Protein backbone atom coordinates (compact mmCIF):
# COMPACT_ATOMS: atom_id res chain seq x y z
CA MET A 1 93.67 -28.38 31.79
CA LYS A 2 93.62 -31.60 33.79
CA PRO A 3 90.35 -33.43 34.45
CA ARG A 4 88.81 -33.07 37.86
CA GLY A 5 89.49 -35.92 40.20
CA ARG A 6 87.36 -37.22 43.03
CA MET A 7 89.10 -35.02 45.59
CA ASP A 8 88.61 -31.93 43.44
CA SER A 9 84.90 -32.65 43.19
CA LEU A 10 84.68 -33.36 46.91
CA ASN A 11 86.54 -30.14 47.76
CA ALA A 12 84.22 -28.15 45.50
CA ALA A 13 81.12 -29.70 47.10
CA VAL A 14 82.41 -29.04 50.63
CA GLY A 15 83.25 -25.47 49.66
CA ASP A 16 79.75 -24.94 48.26
CA LEU A 17 78.20 -26.39 51.41
CA ALA A 18 80.35 -24.24 53.69
CA GLY A 19 79.35 -21.14 51.72
CA ALA A 20 75.67 -22.04 51.96
CA LEU A 21 75.93 -22.57 55.72
CA ARG A 22 77.74 -19.25 56.16
CA ARG A 23 75.05 -17.41 54.20
CA ARG A 24 72.30 -19.14 56.18
CA ARG A 25 73.93 -18.24 59.51
CA VAL A 26 74.18 -14.57 58.52
CA VAL A 27 70.51 -14.52 57.56
CA ARG A 28 69.54 -15.91 60.96
CA GLU A 29 71.34 -13.24 62.95
CA PRO A 30 68.82 -10.91 64.59
CA TYR A 31 68.54 -7.33 63.47
CA VAL A 32 66.23 -4.40 64.10
CA ARG A 33 65.20 -2.30 61.12
CA LEU A 34 63.02 0.72 61.54
CA HIS A 35 60.99 2.53 58.87
CA ASP A 36 59.87 6.12 59.28
CA GLU A 37 56.84 7.82 57.71
CA ASP A 38 58.91 8.91 54.70
CA GLY A 39 60.02 5.36 53.98
CA ARG A 40 63.59 5.77 55.19
CA VAL A 41 65.05 2.65 56.73
CA TRP A 42 67.76 2.32 59.33
CA ALA A 43 69.06 -0.38 61.62
CA LEU A 44 69.51 -0.14 65.37
CA ASP A 45 72.72 -1.25 67.00
CA LEU A 46 71.92 -4.56 68.73
CA ASP A 47 73.76 -3.45 71.87
CA THR A 48 71.19 -0.75 72.68
CA ALA A 49 68.35 -1.16 75.16
CA GLU A 50 65.84 -0.19 72.46
CA ALA A 51 67.00 -2.96 70.13
CA GLU A 52 66.98 -5.51 72.95
CA ALA A 53 63.41 -4.56 73.90
CA LEU A 54 62.24 -4.84 70.28
CA LEU A 55 63.95 -8.20 69.82
CA ASP A 56 62.36 -9.49 73.06
CA ALA A 57 58.93 -8.36 71.85
CA ALA A 58 59.45 -10.00 68.45
CA GLU A 59 60.58 -13.23 70.08
CA ALA A 60 57.48 -13.24 72.31
CA LEU A 61 55.26 -12.78 69.25
CA VAL A 62 56.95 -15.65 67.43
CA ASP A 63 56.67 -17.89 70.50
CA ALA A 64 52.98 -17.05 70.95
CA THR A 65 52.28 -17.75 67.30
CA ALA A 66 54.16 -21.05 67.42
CA ALA A 67 52.29 -22.12 70.58
CA ARG A 68 48.94 -21.25 69.00
CA SER A 69 49.86 -23.14 65.84
CA GLU A 70 50.85 -26.21 67.88
CA SER A 71 47.58 -26.17 69.84
CA ARG A 72 45.57 -26.29 66.60
CA LYS A 73 47.20 -29.54 65.47
């Protein structure tokens, strides 16, 4: 087994960083999960009107909370 050179270490670090960025991007993608009274969970297709309305409402809540937080500073 040959020792790792500088380029090997650099390639490994870049690969780790790229993987972390990919995972972070996936986490940030919007989704709509619904829970029923029995605890079952399902996700809505983001192309539906229902999902779009729920995402718009969630975004408005986040914006309102952020604005209120900024006004308290």
